[in-house]
């Protein structure tokens, strides 16, 4: 199968953290992105939930306390 290059822009700190995570998992970033792409194609969608950042119970309680 022919290979091609894909270039993405990503925050430098995020790249460093992601690369470290991949190394801990025994993967390269290329392998991790390939796994993501294959899973997305197989599922015909993003393979994880994309949602608004909803505050947890602790944050909600702190916000209520501040309002009082």
PDB file of N, CA and C in Angstrom:
ATOM      1  N   UNK A   1       0.841  -1.174   0.000  1.00  0.00           N
ATOM      2  CA  UNK A   1       0.000   0.000   0.000  1.00  0.00           C
ATOM      3  C   UNK A   1       0.888   1.240   0.000  1.00  0.00           C
ATOM      4  N   UNK A   2       0.585   2.193  -0.844  1.00  0.00           N
ATOM      5  CA  UNK A   2       1.369   3.419  -0.937  1.00  0.00           C
ATOM      6  C   UNK A   2       1.189   4.274   0.312  1.00  0.00           C
ATOM      7  N   UNK A   3       2.232   4.946   0.698  1.00  0.00           N
ATOM      8  CA  UNK A   3       2.216   5.823   1.870  1.00  0.00           C
ATOM      9  C   UNK A   3       2.169   7.270   1.419  1.00  0.00           C
ATOM     10  N   UNK A   4       1.605   8.133   2.245  1.00  0.00           N
ATOM     11  CA  UNK A   4       1.577   9.565   1.976  1.00  0.00           C
ATOM     12  C   UNK A   4       1.850  10.313   3.265  1.00  0.00           C
ATOM     13  N   UNK A   5       2.259  11.543   3.154  1.00  0.00           N
ATOM     14  CA  UNK A   5       2.519  12.380   4.327  1.00  0.00           C
ATOM     15  C   UNK A   5       1.305  13.237   4.633  1.00  0.00           C
ATOM     16  N   UNK A   6       1.066  13.445   5.916  1.00  0.00           N
ATOM     17  CA  UNK A   6       0.021  14.351   6.389  1.00  0.00           C
ATOM     18  C   UNK A   6       0.689  15.310   7.356  1.00  0.00           C
ATOM     19  N   UNK A   7       0.511  16.596   7.137  1.00  0.00           N
ATOM     20  CA  UNK A   7       1.097  17.606   8.022  1.00  0.00           C
ATOM     21  C   UNK A   7      -0.014  18.259   8.834  1.00  0.00           C
ATOM     22  N   UNK A   8       0.191  18.346  10.149  1.00  0.00           N
ATOM     23  CA  UNK A   8      -0.774  19.022  11.009  1.00  0.00           C
ATOM     24  C   UNK A   8      -0.037  20.036  11.878  1.00  0.00           C
ATOM     25  N   UNK A   9      -0.779  21.032  12.325  1.00  0.00           N
ATOM     26  CA  UNK A   9      -0.223  21.996  13.270  1.00  0.00           C
ATOM     27  C   UNK A   9      -0.818  21.688  14.634  1.00  0.00           C
ATOM     28  N   UNK A  10       0.040  21.685  15.649  1.00  0.00           N
ATOM     29  CA  UNK A  10      -0.395  21.351  16.998  1.00  0.00           C
ATOM     30  C   UNK A  10       0.458  22.158  17.976  1.00  0.00           C
ATOM     31  N   UNK A  11      -0.135  22.525  19.082  1.00  0.00           N
ATOM     32  CA  UNK A  11       0.574  23.254  20.118  1.00  0.00           C
ATOM     33  C   UNK A  11       1.833  22.479  20.517  1.00  0.00           C
ATOM     34  N   UNK A  12       2.928  23.189  20.678  1.00  0.00           N
ATOM     35  CA  UNK A  12       4.219  22.554  20.954  1.00  0.00           C
ATOM     36  C   UNK A  12       4.196  21.729  22.247  1.00  0.00           C
ATOM     37  N   UNK A  13       3.592  22.266  23.302  1.00  0.00           N
ATOM     38  CA  UNK A  13       3.518  21.529  24.567  1.00  0.00           C
ATOM     39  C   UNK A  13       2.646  20.284  24.428  1.00  0.00           C
ATOM     40  N   UNK A  14       1.520  20.416  23.728  1.00  0.00           N
ATOM     41  CA  UNK A  14       0.642  19.269  23.518  1.00  0.00           C
ATOM     42  C   UNK A  14       1.364  18.180  22.731  1.00  0.00           C
ATOM     43  N   UNK A  15       2.126  18.580  21.716  1.00  0.00           N
ATOM     44  CA  UNK A  15       2.888  17.604  20.924  1.00  0.00           C
ATOM     45  C   UNK A  15       3.877  16.852  21.806  1.00  0.00           C
ATOM     46  N   UNK A  16       4.574  17.589  22.649  1.00  0.00           N
ATOM     47  CA  UNK A  16       5.566  16.972  23.533  1.00  0.00           C
ATOM     48  C   UNK A  16       4.885  15.982  24.491  1.00  0.00           C
ATOM     49  N   UNK A  17       3.746  16.372  25.067  1.00  0.00           N
ATOM     50  CA  UNK A  17       3.018  15.495  25.988  1.00  0.00           C
ATOM     51  C   UNK A  17       2.461  14.267  25.259  1.00  0.00           C
ATOM     52  N   UNK A  18       1.937  14.484  24.044  1.00  0.00           N
ATOM     53  CA  UNK A  18       1.385  13.377  23.269  1.00  0.00           C
ATOM     54  C   UNK A  18       2.485  12.406  22.858  1.00  0.00           C
ATOM     55  N   UNK A  19       3.624  12.934  22.454  1.00  0.00           N
ATOM     56  CA  UNK A  19       4.752  12.088  22.075  1.00  0.00           C
ATOM     57  C   UNK A  19       5.199  11.248  23.266  1.00  0.00           C
ATOM     58  N   UNK A  20       5.255  11.861  24.442  1.00  0.00           N
ATOM     59  CA  UNK A  20       5.633  11.134  25.656  1.00  0.00           C
ATOM     60  C   UNK A  20       4.629  10.031  25.963  1.00  0.00           C
ATOM     61  N   UNK A  21       3.343  10.333  25.848  1.00  0.00           N
ATOM     62  CA  UNK A  21       2.310   9.320  26.075  1.00  0.00           C
ATOM     63  C   UNK A  21       2.463   8.173  25.086  1.00  0.00           C
ATOM     64  N   UNK A  22       2.644   8.505  23.822  1.00  0.00           N
ATOM     65  CA  UNK A  22       2.811   7.463  22.796  1.00  0.00           C
ATOM     66  C   UNK A  22       4.000   6.570  23.127  1.00  0.00           C
ATOM     67  N   UNK A  23       5.102   7.165  23.542  1.00  0.00           N
ATOM     68  CA  UNK A  23       6.290   6.380  23.899  1.00  0.00           C
ATOM     69  C   UNK A  23       5.971   5.444  25.062  1.00  0.00           C
ATOM     70  N   UNK A  24       5.243   5.967  26.066  1.00  0.00           N
ATOM     71  CA  UNK A  24       4.864   5.132  27.217  1.00  0.00           C
ATOM     72  C   UNK A  24       3.999   3.951  26.782  1.00  0.00           C
ATOM     73  N   UNK A  25       3.207   4.148  25.734  1.00  0.00           N
ATOM     74  CA  UNK A  25       2.331   3.097  25.225  1.00  0.00           C
ATOM     75  C   UNK A  25       3.030   2.196  24.206  1.00  0.00           C
ATOM     76  N   UNK A  26       4.283   2.512  23.896  1.00  0.00           N
ATOM     77  CA  UNK A  26       5.034   1.715  22.923  1.00  0.00           C
ATOM     78  C   UNK A  26       4.660   2.034  21.488  1.00  0.00           C
ATOM     79  N   UNK A  27       4.158   3.246  21.258  1.00  0.00           N
ATOM     80  CA  UNK A  27       3.737   3.670  19.916  1.00  0.00           C
ATOM     81  C   UNK A  27       4.549   4.864  19.464  1.00  0.00           C
ATOM     82  N   UNK A  28       4.552   5.083  18.161  1.00  0.00           N
ATOM     83  CA  UNK A  28       5.022   6.355  17.628  1.00  0.00           C
ATOM     84  C   UNK A  28       3.780   7.223  17.437  1.00  0.00           C
ATOM     85  N   UNK A  29       3.979   8.520  17.275  1.00  0.00           N
ATOM     86  CA  UNK A  29       2.832   9.386  17.002  1.00  0.00           C
ATOM     87  C   UNK A  29       2.179   8.992  15.684  1.00  0.00           C
ATOM     88  N   UNK A  30       2.975   8.588  14.699  1.00  0.00           N
ATOM     89  CA  UNK A  30       2.427   8.154  13.418  1.00  0.00           C
ATOM     90  C   UNK A  30       1.503   6.956  13.607  1.00  0.00           C
ATOM     91  N   UNK A  31       1.943   5.987  14.407  1.00  0.00           N
ATOM     92  CA  UNK A  31       1.106   4.808  14.662  1.00  0.00           C
ATOM     93  C   UNK A  31      -0.175   5.210  15.383  1.00  0.00           C
ATOM     94  N   UNK A  32      -0.072   6.097  16.363  1.00  0.00           N
ATOM     95  CA  UNK A  32      -1.253   6.534  17.112  1.00  0.00           C
ATOM     96  C   UNK A  32      -2.259   7.224  16.191  1.00  0.00           C
ATOM     97  N   UNK A  33      -1.794   8.105  15.318  1.00  0.00           N
ATOM     98  CA  UNK A  33      -2.700   8.773  14.386  1.00  0.00           C
ATOM     99  C   UNK A  33      -3.289   7.784  13.385  1.00  0.00           C
ATOM    100  N   UNK A  34      -2.516   6.791  12.978  1.00  0.00           N
ATOM    101  CA  UNK A  34      -3.029   5.777  12.062  1.00  0.00           C
ATOM    102  C   UNK A  34      -4.125   4.957  12.738  1.00  0.00           C
ATOM    103  N   UNK A  35      -3.916   4.591  14.001  1.00  0.00           N
ATOM    104  CA  UNK A  35      -4.948   3.867  14.754  1.00  0.00           C
ATOM    105  C   UNK A  35      -6.217   4.722  14.829  1.00  0.00           C
ATOM    106  N   UNK A  36      -6.062   6.012  15.131  1.00  0.00           N
ATOM    107  CA  UNK A  36      -7.205   6.921  15.180  1.00  0.00           C
ATOM    108  C   UNK A  36      -7.936   6.942  13.832  1.00  0.00           C
ATOM    109  N   UNK A  37      -7.197   7.120  12.746  1.00  0.00           N
ATOM    110  CA  UNK A  37      -7.808   7.216  11.415  1.00  0.00           C
ATOM    111  C   UNK A  37      -8.531   5.926  11.040  1.00  0.00           C
ATOM    112  N   UNK A  38      -7.902   4.790  11.287  1.00  0.00           N
ATOM    113  CA  UNK A  38      -8.534   3.512  10.948  1.00  0.00           C
ATOM    114  C   UNK A  38      -9.808   3.296  11.761  1.00  0.00           C
ATOM    115  N   UNK A  39      -9.767   3.649  13.044  1.00  0.00           N
ATOM    116  CA  UNK A  39     -10.950   3.494  13.888  1.00  0.00           C
ATOM    117  C   UNK A  39     -12.060   4.435  13.439  1.00  0.00           C
ATOM    118  N   UNK A  40     -11.725   5.670  13.108  1.00  0.00           N
ATOM    119  CA  UNK A  40     -12.721   6.630  12.626  1.00  0.00           C
ATOM    120  C   UNK A  40     -13.379   6.135  11.343  1.00  0.00           C
ATOM    121  N   UNK A  41     -12.594   5.600  10.421  1.00  0.00           N
ATOM    122  CA  UNK A  41     -13.137   5.089   9.162  1.00  0.00           C
ATOM    123  C   UNK A  41     -14.029   3.882   9.425  1.00  0.00           C
ATOM    124  N   UNK A  42     -13.578   2.979  10.280  1.00  0.00           N
ATOM    125  CA  UNK A  42     -14.363   1.782  10.584  1.00  0.00           C
ATOM    126  C   UNK A  42     -15.700   2.147  11.239  1.00  0.00           C
ATOM    127  N   UNK A  43     -15.683   3.109  12.160  1.00  0.00           N
ATOM    128  CA  UNK A  43     -16.912   3.513  12.865  1.00  0.00           C
ATOM    129  C   UNK A  43     -17.723   4.550  12.086  1.00  0.00           C
ATOM    130  N   UNK A  44     -17.092   5.118  11.057  1.00  0.00           N
ATOM    131  CA  UNK A  44     -17.714   6.190  10.285  1.00  0.00           C
ATOM    132  C   UNK A  44     -18.049   7.386  11.172  1.00  0.00           C
ATOM    133  N   UNK A  45     -17.115   7.704  12.054  1.00  0.00           N
ATOM    134  CA  UNK A  45     -17.256   8.848  12.952  1.00  0.00           C
ATOM    135  C   UNK A  45     -16.042   8.957  13.850  1.00  0.00           C
ATOM    136  N   UNK A  46     -15.992  10.027  14.606  1.00  0.00           N
ATOM    137  CA  UNK A  46     -14.905  10.228  15.548  1.00  0.00           C
ATOM    138  C   UNK A  46     -15.034   9.168  16.644  1.00  0.00           C
ATOM    139  N   UNK A  47     -13.957   8.451  16.971  1.00  0.00           N
ATOM    140  CA  UNK A  47     -14.062   7.312  17.891  1.00  0.00           C
ATOM    141  C   UNK A  47     -14.083   7.669  19.383  1.00  0.00           C
ATOM    142  N   UNK A  48     -14.515   8.857  19.688  1.00  0.00           N
ATOM    143  CA  UNK A  48     -14.698   9.261  21.082  1.00  0.00           C
ATOM    144  C   UNK A  48     -15.714  10.388  21.098  1.00  0.00           C
ATOM    145  N   UNK A  49     -16.287  10.623  22.271  1.00  0.00           N
ATOM    146  CA  UNK A  49     -17.316  11.650  22.392  1.00  0.00           C
ATOM    147  C   UNK A  49     -16.688  13.032  22.309  1.00  0.00           C
ATOM    148  N   UNK A  50     -17.333  13.907  21.562  1.00  0.00           N
ATOM    149  CA  UNK A  50     -16.940  15.310  21.509  1.00  0.00           C
ATOM    150  C   UNK A  50     -18.100  16.083  22.126  1.00  0.00           C
ATOM    151  N   UNK A  51     -17.837  16.724  23.252  1.00  0.00           N
ATOM    152  CA  UNK A  51     -18.903  17.402  23.978  1.00  0.00           C
ATOM    153  C   UNK A  51     -18.369  18.696  24.584  1.00  0.00           C
ATOM    154  N   UNK A  52     -19.298  19.547  24.943  1.00  0.00           N
ATOM    155  CA  UNK A  52     -18.925  20.766  25.643  1.00  0.00           C
ATOM    156  C   UNK A  52     -18.322  20.386  26.985  1.00  0.00           C
ATOM    157  N   UNK A  53     -17.467  21.240  27.498  1.00  0.00           N
ATOM    158  CA  UNK A  53     -16.851  21.011  28.792  1.00  0.00           C
ATOM    159  C   UNK A  53     -17.894  21.260  29.876  1.00  0.00           C
ATOM    160  N   UNK A  54     -18.453  20.191  30.399  1.00  0.00           N
ATOM    161  CA  UNK A  54     -19.502  20.289  31.413  1.00  0.00           C
ATOM    162  C   UNK A  54     -18.845  20.211  32.785  1.00  0.00           C
ATOM    163  N   UNK A  55     -19.158  21.165  33.667  1.00  0.00           N
ATOM    164  CA  UNK A  55     -18.528  21.140  34.983  1.00  0.00           C
ATOM    165  C   UNK A  55     -18.952  19.919  35.795  1.00  0.00           C
ATOM    166  N   UNK A  56     -18.027  19.439  36.622  1.00  0.00           N
ATOM    167  CA  UNK A  56     -18.349  18.294  37.481  1.00  0.00           C
ATOM    168  C   UNK A  56     -19.102  18.779  38.721  1.00  0.00           C
ATOM    169  N   UNK A  57     -19.542  17.848  39.552  1.00  0.00           N
ATOM    170  CA  UNK A  57     -20.355  18.181  40.724  1.00  0.00           C
ATOM    171  C   UNK A  57     -19.624  19.125  41.674  1.00  0.00           C
ATOM    172  N   UNK A  58     -18.330  18.930  41.844  1.00  0.00           N
ATOM    173  CA  UNK A  58     -17.553  19.792  42.744  1.00  0.00           C
ATOM    174  C   UNK A  58     -17.532  21.234  42.247  1.00  0.00           C
ATOM    175  N   UNK A  59     -17.362  21.413  40.949  1.00  0.00           N
ATOM    176  CA  UNK A  59     -17.342  22.755  40.372  1.00  0.00           C
ATOM    177  C   UNK A  59     -18.710  23.417  40.484  1.00  0.00           C
ATOM    178  N   UNK A  60     -19.763  22.662  40.227  1.00  0.00           N
ATOM    179  CA  UNK A  60     -21.123  23.193  40.345  1.00  0.00           C
ATOM    180  C   UNK A  60     -21.393  23.638  41.781  1.00  0.00           C
ATOM    181  N   UNK A  61     -21.009  22.821  42.751  1.00  0.00           N
ATOM    182  CA  UNK A  61     -21.214  23.167  44.158  1.00  0.00           C
ATOM    183  C   UNK A  61     -20.442  24.431  44.533  1.00  0.00           C
ATOM    184  N   UNK A  62     -19.214  24.555  44.051  1.00  0.00           N
ATOM    185  CA  UNK A  62     -18.408  25.748  44.346  1.00  0.00           C
ATOM    186  C   UNK A  62     -19.036  26.980  43.727  1.00  0.00           C
ATOM    187  N   UNK A  63     -19.577  26.855  42.517  1.00  0.00           N
ATOM    188  CA  UNK A  63     -20.225  27.992  41.856  1.00  0.00           C
ATOM    189  C   UNK A  63     -21.466  28.427  42.628  1.00  0.00           C
ATOM    190  N   UNK A  64     -22.243  27.473  43.100  1.00  0.00           N
ATOM    191  CA  UNK A  64     -23.446  27.786  43.896  1.00  0.00           C
ATOM    192  C   UNK A  64     -23.064  28.502  45.179  1.00  0.00           C
ATOM    193  N   UNK A  65     -21.993  28.031  45.795  1.00  0.00           N
ATOM    194  CA  UNK A  65     -21.543  28.631  47.056  1.00  0.00           C
ATOM    195  C   UNK A  65     -21.125  30.081  46.830  1.00  0.00           C
ATOM    196  N   UNK A  66     -20.442  30.345  45.726  1.00  0.00           N
ATOM    197  CA  UNK A  66     -20.013  31.707  45.410  1.00  0.00           C
ATOM    198  C   UNK A  66     -21.197  32.631  45.169  1.00  0.00           C
ATOM    199  N   UNK A  67     -22.246  32.110  44.550  1.00  0.00           N
ATOM    200  CA  UNK A  67     -23.429  32.930  44.251  1.00  0.00           C
ATOM    201  C   UNK A  67     -24.187  33.317  45.520  1.00  0.00           C
ATOM    202  N   UNK A  68     -24.058  32.472  46.563  1.00  0.00           N
ATOM    203  CA  UNK A  68     -24.774  32.752  47.816  1.00  0.00           C
ATOM    204  C   UNK A  68     -24.029  33.776  48.571  1.00  0.00           C
TER     205      UNK A  68
END
